Amino acid sequence: GEADRARRMLRAGLRDCSAGERVEGAGGGGGGGGDDGLLLSWAALELGEGRLAQAQQLLERARAAGGGGGGRTHQLQAVLLARQGLGADARAALREGLRAAPGHAPLHTLLGSMLDAD
């Protein structure tokens, strides 16, 4: 279906980013080109589909590709933790994300929602 088509597109995008990085040359890059953004998008897709283990693996790959400090990474990690029933850990991930990326509005919204639910 649509999710499988999206996965194929994301896989192709990752291949293209990796190939482009090899063509431009190794050494001077900033940590994975567009890989981290594609991996985060893919992790969000897997979260939406309820595939939590796959989402966790993709988040870990995004961090390794240089996407570990942004608000979106913390946002997705918090959603993953909440879906796993780990509300306290999810709130901690959100607070950490707010320190790292205070301007990332979805972190504020998500934290407010979680605190309202308690």
PDB file of N, CA and C in Angstrom:
ATOM      1  N   GLY A   1       0.805  -1.183   0.000  1.00  0.00           N
ATOM      2  CA  GLY A   1       0.000   0.000   0.000  1.00  0.00           C
ATOM      3  C   GLY A   1       0.854   1.255   0.000  1.00  0.00           C
ATOM      4  N   GLU A   2       0.255   2.293   0.520  1.00  0.00           N
ATOM      5  CA  GLU A   2       0.911   3.602   0.536  1.00  0.00           C
ATOM      6  C   GLU A   2       2.166   3.615   1.420  1.00  0.00           C
ATOM      7  N   ALA A   3       2.095   2.942   2.560  1.00  0.00           N
ATOM      8  CA  ALA A   3       3.256   2.913   3.451  1.00  0.00           C
ATOM      9  C   ALA A   3       4.427   2.192   2.787  1.00  0.00           C
ATOM     10  N   ASP A   4       4.162   1.109   2.083  1.00  0.00           N
ATOM     11  CA  ASP A   4       5.233   0.393   1.381  1.00  0.00           C
ATOM     12  C   ASP A   4       5.835   1.256   0.287  1.00  0.00           C
ATOM     13  N   ARG A   5       4.990   1.995  -0.413  1.00  0.00           N
ATOM     14  CA  ARG A   5       5.484   2.900  -1.464  1.00  0.00           C
ATOM     15  C   ARG A   5       6.364   3.992  -0.844  1.00  0.00           C
ATOM     16  N   ALA A   6       5.939   4.528   0.286  1.00  0.00           N
ATOM     17  CA  ALA A   6       6.733   5.545   0.975  1.00  0.00           C
ATOM     18  C   ALA A   6       8.074   4.979   1.424  1.00  0.00           C
ATOM     19  N   ARG A   7       8.072   3.748   1.937  1.00  0.00           N
ATOM     20  CA  ARG A   7       9.333   3.109   2.350  1.00  0.00           C
ATOM     21  C   ARG A   7      10.280   2.965   1.159  1.00  0.00           C
ATOM     22  N   ARG A   8       9.754   2.554   0.019  1.00  0.00           N
ATOM     23  CA  ARG A   8      10.601   2.419  -1.177  1.00  0.00           C
ATOM     24  C   ARG A   8      11.200   3.768  -1.570  1.00  0.00           C
ATOM     25  N   MET A   9      10.399   4.814  -1.495  1.00  0.00           N
ATOM     26  CA  MET A   9      10.890   6.154  -1.842  1.00  0.00           C
ATOM     27  C   MET A   9      11.972   6.607  -0.857  1.00  0.00           C
ATOM     28  N   LEU A  10      11.763   6.354   0.421  1.00  0.00           N
ATOM     29  CA  LEU A  10      12.755   6.733   1.419  1.00  0.00           C
ATOM     30  C   LEU A  10      14.049   5.944   1.234  1.00  0.00           C
ATOM     31  N   ARG A  11      13.925   4.653   0.963  1.00  0.00           N
ATOM     32  CA  ARG A  11      15.104   3.818   0.708  1.00  0.00           C
ATOM     33  C   ARG A  11      15.892   4.369  -0.480  1.00  0.00           C
ATOM     34  N   ALA A  12      15.172   4.715  -1.560  1.00  0.00           N
ATOM     35  CA  ALA A  12      15.829   5.261  -2.751  1.00  0.00           C
ATOM     36  C   ALA A  12      16.495   6.596  -2.436  1.00  0.00           C
ATOM     37  N   GLY A  13      15.841   7.420  -1.645  1.00  0.00           N
ATOM     38  CA  GLY A  13      16.428   8.695  -1.253  1.00  0.00           C
ATOM     39  C   GLY A  13      17.712   8.524  -0.466  1.00  0.00           C
ATOM     40  N   LEU A  14      17.725   7.548   0.443  1.00  0.00           N
ATOM     41  CA  LEU A  14      18.941   7.273   1.207  1.00  0.00           C
ATOM     42  C   LEU A  14      20.067   6.802   0.300  1.00  0.00           C
ATOM     43  N   ARG A  15      19.737   5.953  -0.665  1.00  0.00           N
ATOM     44  CA  ARG A  15      20.761   5.506  -1.620  1.00  0.00           C
ATOM     45  C   ARG A  15      21.302   6.696  -2.399  1.00  0.00           C
ATOM     46  N   ASP A  16      20.422   7.593  -2.854  1.00  0.00           N
ATOM     47  CA  ASP A  16      20.849   8.764  -3.611  1.00  0.00           C
ATOM     48  C   ASP A  16      21.743   9.674  -2.773  1.00  0.00           C
ATOM     49  N   CYS A  17      21.364   9.901  -1.520  1.00  0.00           N
ATOM     50  CA  CYS A  17      22.184  10.744  -0.631  1.00  0.00           C
ATOM     51  C   CYS A  17      23.554  10.129  -0.421  1.00  0.00           C
ATOM     52  N   SER A  18      23.594   8.831  -0.180  1.00  0.00           N
ATOM     53  CA  SER A  18      24.866   8.155   0.048  1.00  0.00           C
ATOM     54  C   SER A  18      25.724   8.185  -1.195  1.00  0.00           C
ATOM     55  N   ALA A  19      25.121   7.985  -2.354  1.00  0.00           N
ATOM     56  CA  ALA A  19      25.875   8.022  -3.608  1.00  0.00           C
ATOM     57  C   ALA A  19      26.408   9.425  -3.862  1.00  0.00           C
ATOM     58  N   GLY A  20      25.610  10.435  -3.603  1.00  0.00           N
ATOM     59  CA  GLY A  20      26.046  11.814  -3.789  1.00  0.00           C
ATOM     60  C   GLY A  20      27.193  12.169  -2.872  1.00  0.00           C
ATOM     61  N   GLU A  21      27.153  11.670  -1.656  1.00  0.00           N
ATOM     62  CA  GLU A  21      28.224  11.922  -0.705  1.00  0.00           C
ATOM     63  C   GLU A  21      29.525  11.285  -1.191  1.00  0.00           C
ATOM     64  N   ARG A  22      29.437  10.076  -1.755  1.00  0.00           N
ATOM     65  CA  ARG A  22      30.641   9.407  -2.269  1.00  0.00           C
ATOM     66  C   ARG A  22      31.201  10.174  -3.453  1.00  0.00           C
ATOM     67  N   VAL A  23      30.340  10.710  -4.321  1.00  0.00           N
ATOM     68  CA  VAL A  23      30.807  11.444  -5.494  1.00  0.00           C
ATOM     69  C   VAL A  23      31.494  12.736  -5.070  1.00  0.00           C
ATOM     70  N   GLU A  24      30.935  13.435  -4.084  1.00  0.00           N
ATOM     71  CA  GLU A  24      31.506  14.694  -3.626  1.00  0.00           C
ATOM     72  C   GLU A  24      32.802  14.475  -2.865  1.00  0.00           C
ATOM     73  N   GLY A  25      33.020  13.278  -2.416  1.00  0.00           N
ATOM     74  CA  GLY A  25      34.268  12.973  -1.721  1.00  0.00           C
ATOM     75  C   GLY A  25      34.075  12.857  -0.227  1.00  0.00           C
ATOM     76  N   ALA A  26      34.785  11.959   0.352  1.00  0.00           N
ATOM     77  CA  ALA A  26      34.709  11.751   1.797  1.00  0.00           C
ATOM     78  C   ALA A  26      35.650  12.716   2.482  1.00  0.00           C
ATOM     79  N   GLY A  27      35.379  12.924   3.749  1.00  0.00           N
ATOM     80  CA  GLY A  27      36.310  13.708   4.547  1.00  0.00           C
ATOM     81  C   GLY A  27      35.773  15.041   4.982  1.00  0.00           C
ATOM     82  N   GLY A  28      35.295  15.883   4.089  1.00  0.00           N
ATOM     83  CA  GLY A  28      34.902  17.221   4.480  1.00  0.00           C
ATOM     84  C   GLY A  28      33.449  17.371   4.824  1.00  0.00           C
ATOM     85  N   GLY A  29      32.689  16.304   4.781  1.00  0.00           N
ATOM     86  CA  GLY A  29      31.242  16.403   4.962  1.00  0.00           C
ATOM     87  C   GLY A  29      30.828  16.672   6.387  1.00  0.00           C
ATOM     88  N   GLY A  30      29.547  17.011   6.518  1.00  0.00           N
ATOM     89  CA  GLY A  30      29.019  17.362   7.822  1.00  0.00           C
ATOM     90  C   GLY A  30      28.220  16.258   8.462  1.00  0.00           C
ATOM     91  N   GLY A  31      28.461  15.006   8.142  1.00  0.00           N
ATOM     92  CA  GLY A  31      27.800  13.943   8.889  1.00  0.00           C
ATOM     93  C   GLY A  31      26.581  13.362   8.236  1.00  0.00           C
ATOM     94  N   GLY A  32      26.684  12.968   6.980  1.00  0.00           N
ATOM     95  CA  GLY A  32      25.611  12.189   6.401  1.00  0.00           C
ATOM     96  C   GLY A  32      24.714  12.903   5.422  1.00  0.00           C
ATOM     97  N   GLY A  33      25.012  14.148   5.079  1.00  0.00           N
ATOM     98  CA  GLY A  33      24.188  14.833   4.093  1.00  0.00           C
ATOM     99  C   GLY A  33      22.747  14.891   4.526  1.00  0.00           C
ATOM    100  N   GLY A  34      21.852  14.427   3.648  1.00  0.00           N
ATOM    101  CA  GLY A  34      20.439  14.435   3.966  1.00  0.00           C
ATOM    102  C   GLY A  34      19.957  13.157   4.607  1.00  0.00           C
ATOM    103  N   ASP A  35      20.865  12.249   4.890  1.00  0.00           N
ATOM    104  CA  ASP A  35      20.478  10.955   5.450  1.00  0.00           C
ATOM    105  C   ASP A  35      19.666  11.090   6.726  1.00  0.00           C
ATOM    106  N   ASP A  36      20.088  11.980   7.627  1.00  0.00           N
ATOM    107  CA  ASP A  36      19.404  12.060   8.915  1.00  0.00           C
ATOM    108  C   ASP A  36      17.958  12.514   8.746  1.00  0.00           C
ATOM    109  N   GLY A  37      17.696  13.465   7.867  1.00  0.00           N
ATOM    110  CA  GLY A  37      16.318  13.909   7.636  1.00  0.00           C
ATOM    111  C   GLY A  37      15.450  12.825   7.034  1.00  0.00           C
ATOM    112  N   LEU A  38      15.996  12.077   6.088  1.00  0.00           N
ATOM    113  CA  LEU A  38      15.248  10.968   5.503  1.00  0.00           C
ATOM    114  C   LEU A  38      14.988   9.875   6.531  1.00  0.00           C
ATOM    115  N   LEU A  39      15.975   9.599   7.349  1.00  0.00           N
ATOM    116  CA  LEU A  39      15.804   8.576   8.382  1.00  0.00           C
ATOM    117  C   LEU A  39      14.752   8.995   9.396  1.00  0.00           C
ATOM    118  N   LEU A  40      14.718  10.268   9.756  1.00  0.00           N
ATOM    119  CA  LEU A  40      13.700  10.749  10.685  1.00  0.00           C
ATOM    120  C   LEU A  40      12.313  10.669  10.060  1.00  0.00           C
ATOM    121  N   SER A  41      12.211  10.998   8.779  1.00  0.00           N
ATOM    122  CA  SER A  41      10.919  10.873   8.095  1.00  0.00           C
ATOM    123  C   SER A  41      10.463   9.422   8.076  1.00  0.00           C
ATOM    124  N   TRP A  42      11.386   8.528   7.824  1.00  0.00           N
ATOM    125  CA  TRP A  42      11.066   7.105   7.788  1.00  0.00           C
ATOM    126  C   TRP A  42      10.663   6.621   9.182  1.00  0.00           C
ATOM    127  N   ALA A  43      11.381   7.095  10.217  1.00  0.00           N
ATOM    128  CA  ALA A  43      11.023   6.721  11.585  1.00  0.00           C
ATOM    129  C   ALA A  43       9.614   7.191  11.919  1.00  0.00           C
ATOM    130  N   ALA A  44       9.256   8.396  11.478  1.00  0.00           N
ATOM    131  CA  ALA A  44       7.903   8.915  11.719  1.00  0.00           C
ATOM    132  C   ALA A  44       6.864   8.045  11.021  1.00  0.00           C
ATOM    133  N   LEU A  45       7.168   7.600   9.818  1.00  0.00           N
ATOM    134  CA  LEU A  45       6.264   6.702   9.094  1.00  0.00           C
ATOM    135  C   LEU A  45       6.064   5.412   9.880  1.00  0.00           C
ATOM    136  N   GLU A  46       7.149   4.824  10.351  1.00  0.00           N
ATOM    137  CA  GLU A  46       7.052   3.565  11.089  1.00  0.00           C
ATOM    138  C   GLU A  46       6.297   3.749  12.411  1.00  0.00           C
ATOM    139  N   LEU A  47       6.504   4.884  13.071  1.00  0.00           N
ATOM    140  CA  LEU A  47       5.742   5.168  14.290  1.00  0.00           C
ATOM    141  C   LEU A  47       4.255   5.218  13.982  1.00  0.00           C
ATOM    142  N   GLY A  48       3.914   5.884  12.910  1.00  0.00           N
ATOM    143  CA  GLY A  48       2.514   5.986  12.506  1.00  0.00           C
ATOM    144  C   GLY A  48       1.896   4.646  12.165  1.00  0.00           C
ATOM    145  N   GLU A  49       2.720   3.735  11.696  1.00  0.00           N
ATOM    146  CA  GLU A  49       2.260   2.395  11.343  1.00  0.00           C
ATOM    147  C   GLU A  49       2.306   1.432  12.529  1.00  0.00           C
ATOM    148  N   GLY A  50       2.797   1.921  13.687  1.00  0.00           N
ATOM    149  CA  GLY A  50       2.875   1.069  14.870  1.00  0.00           C
ATOM    150  C   GLY A  50       4.061   0.121  14.884  1.00  0.00           C
ATOM    151  N   ARG A  51       5.021   0.347  14.027  1.00  0.00           N
ATOM    152  CA  ARG A  51       6.217  -0.507  13.956  1.00  0.00           C
ATOM    153  C   ARG A  51       7.319   0.119  14.809  1.00  0.00           C
ATOM    154  N   LEU A  52       7.204  -0.081  16.113  1.00  0.00           N
ATOM    155  CA  LEU A  52       8.048   0.630  17.066  1.00  0.00           C
ATOM    156  C   LEU A  52       9.512   0.207  17.006  1.00  0.00           C
ATOM    157  N   ALA A  53       9.784  -1.069  16.830  1.00  0.00           N
ATOM    158  CA  ALA A  53      11.174  -1.530  16.763  1.00  0.00           C
ATOM    159  C   ALA A  53      11.880  -0.935  15.548  1.00  0.00           C
ATOM    160  N   GLN A  54      11.185  -0.898  14.408  1.00  0.00           N
ATOM    161  CA  GLN A  54      11.778  -0.320  13.205  1.00  0.00           C
ATOM    162  C   GLN A  54      12.017   1.178  13.394  1.00  0.00           C
ATOM    163  N   ALA A  55      11.064   1.861  14.044  1.00  0.00           N
ATOM    164  CA  ALA A  55      11.224   3.290  14.298  1.00  0.00           C
ATOM    165  C   ALA A  55      12.446   3.546  15.177  1.00  0.00           C
ATOM    166  N   GLN A  56      12.637   2.727  16.203  1.00  0.00           N
ATOM    167  CA  GLN A  56      13.791   2.888  17.099  1.00  0.00           C
ATOM    168  C   GLN A  56      15.091   2.706  16.329  1.00  0.00           C
ATOM    169  N   GLN A  57      15.162   1.696  15.474  1.00  0.00           N
ATOM    170  CA  GLN A  57      16.374   1.468  14.680  1.00  0.00           C
ATOM    171  C   GLN A  57      16.668   2.660  13.778  1.00  0.00           C
ATOM    172  N   LEU A  58      15.629   3.219  13.166  1.00  0.00           N
ATOM    173  CA  LEU A  58      15.817   4.363  12.274  1.00  0.00           C
ATOM    174  C   LEU A  58      16.247   5.605  13.049  1.00  0.00           C
ATOM    175  N   LEU A  59      15.705   5.804  14.244  1.00  0.00           N
ATOM    176  CA  LEU A  59      16.142   6.928  15.078  1.00  0.00           C
ATOM    177  C   LEU A  59      17.621   6.783  15.445  1.00  0.00           C
ATOM    178  N   GLU A  60      18.033   5.573  15.758  1.00  0.00           N
ATOM    179  CA  GLU A  60      19.442   5.339  16.076  1.00  0.00           C
ATOM    180  C   GLU A  60      20.328   5.615  14.872  1.00  0.00           C
ATOM    181  N   ARG A  61      19.893   5.198  13.690  1.00  0.00           N
ATOM    182  CA  ARG A  61      20.648   5.478  12.464  1.00  0.00           C
ATOM    183  C   ARG A  61      20.710   6.975  12.188  1.00  0.00           C
ATOM    184  N   ALA A  62      19.614   7.693  12.448  1.00  0.00           N
ATOM    185  CA  ALA A  62      19.594   9.143  12.234  1.00  0.00           C
ATOM    186  C   ALA A  62      20.595   9.830  13.151  1.00  0.00           C
ATOM    187  N   ARG A  63      20.638   9.387  14.408  1.00  0.00           N
ATOM    188  CA  ARG A  63      21.617   9.966  15.342  1.00  0.00           C
ATOM    189  C   ARG A  63      23.034   9.718  14.841  1.00  0.00           C
ATOM    190  N   ALA A  64      23.298   8.520  14.368  1.00  0.00           N
ATOM    191  CA  ALA A  64      24.627   8.184  13.853  1.00  0.00           C
ATOM    192  C   ALA A  64      24.973   9.006  12.613  1.00  0.00           C
ATOM    193  N   ALA A  65      23.957   9.402  11.847  1.00  0.00           N
ATOM    194  CA  ALA A  65      24.178  10.195  10.641  1.00  0.00           C
ATOM    195  C   ALA A  65      24.275  11.687  10.944  1.00  0.00           C
ATOM    196  N   GLY A  66      24.177  12.045  12.226  1.00  0.00           N
ATOM    197  CA  GLY A  66      24.333  13.445  12.588  1.00  0.00           C
ATOM    198  C   GLY A  66      23.052  14.144  12.971  1.00  0.00           C
ATOM    199  N   GLY A  67      21.944  13.426  13.081  1.00  0.00           N
ATOM    200  CA  GLY A  67      20.662  14.056  13.386  1.00  0.00           C
ATOM    201  C   GLY A  67      20.219  13.893  14.817  1.00  0.00           C
ATOM    202  N   GLY A  68      21.149  13.738  15.741  1.00  0.00           N
ATOM    203  CA  GLY A  68      20.770  13.460  17.109  1.00  0.00           C
ATOM    204  C   GLY A  68      20.448  14.659  17.973  1.00  0.00           C
ATOM    205  N   GLY A  69      20.803  15.870  17.544  1.00  0.00           N
ATOM    206  CA  GLY A  69      20.629  17.005  18.418  1.00  0.00           C
ATOM    207  C   GLY A  69      19.409  17.854  18.149  1.00  0.00           C
ATOM    208  N   GLY A  70      18.683  17.566  17.106  1.00  0.00           N
ATOM    209  CA  GLY A  70      17.564  18.416  16.740  1.00  0.00           C
ATOM    210  C   GLY A  70      16.284  18.104  17.484  1.00  0.00           C
ATOM    211  N   GLY A  71      15.376  19.059  17.437  1.00  0.00           N
ATOM    212  CA  GLY A  71      14.106  18.893  18.107  1.00  0.00           C
ATOM    213  C   GLY A  71      13.273  17.754  17.557  1.00  0.00           C
ATOM    214  N   ARG A  72      13.361  17.536  16.248  1.00  0.00           N
ATOM    215  CA  ARG A  72      12.545  16.478  15.647  1.00  0.00           C
ATOM    216  C   ARG A  72      12.963  15.099  16.161  1.00  0.00           C
ATOM    217  N   THR A  73      14.246  14.893  16.341  1.00  0.00           N
ATOM    218  CA  THR A  73      14.725  13.615  16.876  1.00  0.00           C
ATOM    219  C   THR A  73      14.158  13.371  18.268  1.00  0.00           C
ATOM    220  N   HIS A  74      14.217  14.387  19.120  1.00  0.00           N
ATOM    221  CA  HIS A  74      13.689  14.255  20.482  1.00  0.00           C
ATOM    222  C   HIS A  74      12.175  14.065  20.457  1.00  0.00           C
ATOM    223  N   GLN A  75      11.512  14.763  19.557  1.00  0.00           N
ATOM    224  CA  GLN A  75      10.057  14.633  19.428  1.00  0.00           C
ATOM    225  C   GLN A  75       9.676  13.195  19.085  1.00  0.00           C
ATOM    226  N   LEU A  76      10.336  12.631  18.081  1.00  0.00           N
ATOM    227  CA  LEU A  76      10.024  11.258  17.677  1.00  0.00           C
ATOM    228  C   LEU A  76      10.399  10.258  18.762  1.00  0.00           C
ATOM    229  N   GLN A  77      11.525  10.507  19.440  1.00  0.00           N
ATOM    230  CA  GLN A  77      11.926   9.609  20.527  1.00  0.00           C
ATOM    231  C   GLN A  77      10.886   9.636  21.638  1.00  0.00           C
ATOM    232  N   ALA A  78      10.368  10.818  21.954  1.00  0.00           N
ATOM    233  CA  ALA A  78       9.355  10.935  23.000  1.00  0.00           C
ATOM    234  C   ALA A  78       8.070  10.214  22.615  1.00  0.00           C
ATOM    235  N   VAL A  79       7.663  10.342  21.363  1.00  0.00           N
ATOM    236  CA  VAL A  79       6.459   9.639  20.906  1.00  0.00           C
ATOM    237  C   VAL A  79       6.676   8.136  20.995  1.00  0.00           C
ATOM    238  N   LEU A  80       7.841   7.681  20.577  1.00  0.00           N
ATOM    239  CA  LEU A  80       8.157   6.256  20.650  1.00  0.00           C
ATOM    240  C   LEU A  80       8.087   5.760  22.091  1.00  0.00           C
ATOM    241  N   LEU A  81       8.705   6.488  22.999  1.00  0.00           N
ATOM    242  CA  LEU A  81       8.694   6.087  24.408  1.00  0.00           C
ATOM    243  C   LEU A  81       7.280   6.085  24.978  1.00  0.00           C
ATOM    244  N   ALA A  82       6.489   7.085  24.615  1.00  0.00           N
ATOM    245  CA  ALA A  82       5.098   7.132  25.086  1.00  0.00           C
ATOM    246  C   ALA A  82       4.306   5.943  24.558  1.00  0.00           C
ATOM    247  N   ARG A  83       4.533   5.597  23.289  1.00  0.00           N
ATOM    248  CA  ARG A  83       3.827   4.447  22.701  1.00  0.00           C
ATOM    249  C   ARG A  83       4.250   3.145  23.367  1.00  0.00           C
ATOM    250  N   GLN A  84       5.449   3.122  23.941  1.00  0.00           N
ATOM    251  CA  GLN A  84       5.935   1.937  24.649  1.00  0.00           C
ATOM    252  C   GLN A  84       5.478   1.931  26.112  1.00  0.00           C
ATOM    253  N   GLY A  85       4.712   2.945  26.502  1.00  0.00           N
ATOM    254  CA  GLY A  85       4.213   3.020  27.872  1.00  0.00           C
ATOM    255  C   GLY A  85       5.205   3.608  28.860  1.00  0.00           C
ATOM    256  N   LEU A  86       6.206   4.304  28.372  1.00  0.00           N
ATOM    257  CA  LEU A  86       7.255   4.869  29.214  1.00  0.00           C
ATOM    258  C   LEU A  86       7.095   6.386  29.302  1.00  0.00           C
ATOM    259  N   GLY A  87       6.006   6.809  29.936  1.00  0.00           N
ATOM    260  CA  GLY A  87       5.666   8.227  29.978  1.00  0.00           C
ATOM    261  C   GLY A  87       6.725   9.101  30.626  1.00  0.00           C
ATOM    262  N   ALA A  88       7.302   8.655  31.732  1.00  0.00           N
ATOM    263  CA  ALA A  88       8.329   9.459  32.406  1.00  0.00           C
ATOM    264  C   ALA A  88       9.552   9.638  31.509  1.00  0.00           C
ATOM    265  N   ASP A  89       9.950   8.575  30.817  1.00  0.00           N
ATOM    266  CA  ASP A  89      11.088   8.667  29.894  1.00  0.00           C
ATOM    267  C   ASP A  89      10.751   9.569  28.714  1.00  0.00           C
ATOM    268  N   ALA A  90       9.509   9.510  28.254  1.00  0.00           N
ATOM    269  CA  ALA A  90       9.083  10.367  27.141  1.00  0.00           C
ATOM    270  C   ALA A  90       9.153  11.833  27.552  1.00  0.00           C
ATOM    271  N   ARG A  91       8.674  12.154  28.744  1.00  0.00           N
ATOM    272  CA  ARG A  91       8.749  13.543  29.227  1.00  0.00           C
ATOM    273  C   ARG A  91      10.198  13.986  29.371  1.00  0.00           C
ATOM    274  N   ALA A  92      11.066  13.100  29.847  1.00  0.00           N
ATOM    275  CA  ALA A  92      12.487  13.433  29.969  1.00  0.00           C
ATOM    276  C   ALA A  92      13.100  13.710  28.597  1.00  0.00           C
ATOM    277  N   ALA A  93      12.731  12.922  27.593  1.00  0.00           N
ATOM    278  CA  ALA A  93      13.229  13.153  26.229  1.00  0.00           C
ATOM    279  C   ALA A  93      12.751  14.497  25.705  1.00  0.00           C
ATOM    280  N   LEU A  94      11.516  14.855  26.023  1.00  0.00           N
ATOM    281  CA  LEU A  94      10.991  16.155  25.593  1.00  0.00           C
ATOM    282  C   LEU A  94      11.736  17.301  26.273  1.00  0.00           C
ATOM    283  N   ARG A  95      11.980  17.172  27.550  1.00  0.00           N
ATOM    284  CA  ARG A  95      12.703  18.231  28.267  1.00  0.00           C
ATOM    285  C   ARG A  95      14.124  18.379  27.733  1.00  0.00           C
ATOM    286  N   GLU A  96      14.759  17.256  27.444  1.00  0.00           N
ATOM    287  CA  GLU A  96      16.098  17.293  26.848  1.00  0.00           C
ATOM    288  C   GLU A  96      16.040  17.975  25.480  1.00  0.00           C
ATOM    289  N   GLY A  97      15.015  17.651  24.702  1.00  0.00           N
ATOM    290  CA  GLY A  97      14.840  18.283  23.402  1.00  0.00           C
ATOM    291  C   GLY A  97      14.614  19.774  23.502  1.00  0.00           C
ATOM    292  N   LEU A  98      13.867  20.204  24.515  1.00  0.00           N
ATOM    293  CA  LEU A  98      13.631  21.641  24.707  1.00  0.00           C
ATOM    294  C   LEU A  98      14.916  22.377  25.057  1.00  0.00           C
ATOM    295  N   ARG A  99      15.818  21.711  25.771  1.00  0.00           N
ATOM    296  CA  ARG A  99      17.125  22.326  26.051  1.00  0.00           C
ATOM    297  C   ARG A  99      17.957  22.415  24.769  1.00  0.00           C
ATOM    298  N   ALA A 100      17.892  21.373  23.941  1.00  0.00           N
ATOM    299  CA  ALA A 100      18.696  21.335  22.717  1.00  0.00           C
ATOM    300  C   ALA A 100      18.111  22.204  21.601  1.00  0.00           C
ATOM    301  N   ALA A 101      16.790  22.272  21.536  1.00  0.00           N
ATOM    302  CA  ALA A 101      16.127  22.993  20.443  1.00  0.00           C
ATOM    303  C   ALA A 101      14.906  23.724  20.994  1.00  0.00           C
ATOM    304  N   PRO A 102      15.122  24.806  21.758  1.00  0.00           N
ATOM    305  CA  PRO A 102      14.001  25.472  22.416  1.00  0.00           C
ATOM    306  C   PRO A 102      12.967  26.057  21.453  1.00  0.00           C
ATOM    307  N   GLY A 103      13.328  26.273  20.219  1.00  0.00           N
ATOM    308  CA  GLY A 103      12.398  26.846  19.251  1.00  0.00           C
ATOM    309  C   GLY A 103      11.563  25.821  18.497  1.00  0.00           C
ATOM    310  N   HIS A 104      11.737  24.554  18.781  1.00  0.00           N
ATOM    311  CA  HIS A 104      10.991  23.507  18.070  1.00  0.00           C
ATOM    312  C   HIS A 104       9.607  23.374  18.711  1.00  0.00           C
ATOM    313  N   ALA A 105       8.637  24.071  18.143  1.00  0.00           N
ATOM    314  CA  ALA A 105       7.291  24.188  18.725  1.00  0.00           C
ATOM    315  C   ALA A 105       6.614  22.855  19.023  1.00  0.00           C
ATOM    316  N   PRO A 106       6.747  21.826  18.173  1.00  0.00           N
ATOM    317  CA  PRO A 106       6.067  20.555  18.503  1.00  0.00           C
ATOM    318  C   PRO A 106       6.492  19.954  19.837  1.00  0.00           C
ATOM    319  N   LEU A 107       7.712  20.246  20.284  1.00  0.00           N
ATOM    320  CA  LEU A 107       8.140  19.738  21.590  1.00  0.00           C
ATOM    321  C   LEU A 107       7.295  20.342  22.706  1.00  0.00           C
ATOM    322  N   HIS A 108       7.029  21.637  22.610  1.00  0.00           N
ATOM    323  CA  HIS A 108       6.205  22.312  23.618  1.00  0.00           C
ATOM    324  C   HIS A 108       4.787  21.742  23.619  1.00  0.00           C
ATOM    325  N   THR A 109       4.235  21.569  22.433  1.00  0.00           N
ATOM    326  CA  THR A 109       2.868  21.053  22.296  1.00  0.00           C
ATOM    327  C   THR A 109       2.765  19.643  22.865  1.00  0.00           C
ATOM    328  N   LEU A 110       3.716  18.798  22.506  1.00  0.00           N
ATOM    329  CA  LEU A 110       3.693  17.408  22.957  1.00  0.00           C
ATOM    330  C   LEU A 110       3.871  17.320  24.472  1.00  0.00           C
ATOM    331  N   LEU A 111       4.786  18.101  25.017  1.00  0.00           N
ATOM    332  CA  LEU A 111       4.995  18.078  26.465  1.00  0.00           C
ATOM    333  C   LEU A 111       3.735  18.566  27.183  1.00  0.00           C
ATOM    334  N   GLY A 112       3.110  19.629  26.681  1.00  0.00           N
ATOM    335  CA  GLY A 112       1.877  20.112  27.280  1.00  0.00           C
ATOM    336  C   GLY A 112       0.785  19.052  27.260  1.00  0.00           C
ATOM    337  N   SER A 113       0.665  18.345  26.151  1.00  0.00           N
ATOM    338  CA  SER A 113      -0.329  17.275  26.035  1.00  0.00           C
ATOM    339  C   SER A 113      -0.060  16.164  27.021  1.00  0.00           C
ATOM    340  N   MET A 114       1.208  15.797  27.180  1.00  0.00           N
ATOM    341  CA  MET A 114       1.552  14.723  28.098  1.00  0.00           C
ATOM    342  C   MET A 114       1.288  15.138  29.541  1.00  0.00           C
ATOM    343  N   LEU A 115       1.591  16.375  29.877  1.00  0.00           N
ATOM    344  CA  LEU A 115       1.364  16.840  31.246  1.00  0.00           C
ATOM    345  C   LEU A 115      -0.116  16.952  31.534  1.00  0.00           C
ATOM    346  N   ASP A 116      -0.922  17.361  30.535  1.00  0.00           N
ATOM    347  CA  ASP A 116      -2.367  17.427  30.708  1.00  0.00           C
ATOM    348  C   ASP A 116      -2.961  16.039  30.951  1.00  0.00           C
ATOM    349  N   ALA A 117      -2.363  15.023  30.323  1.00  0.00           N
ATOM    350  CA  ALA A 117      -2.884  13.657  30.424  1.00  0.00           C
ATOM    351  C   ALA A 117      -2.584  13.033  31.789  1.00  0.00           C
ATOM    352  N   ASP A 118      -1.586  13.576  32.481  1.00  0.00           N
ATOM    353  CA  ASP A 118      -1.214  13.003  33.802  1.00  0.00           C
ATOM    354  C   ASP A 118      -2.173  13.327  34.873  1.00  0.00           C
TER     355      ASP A 118
END
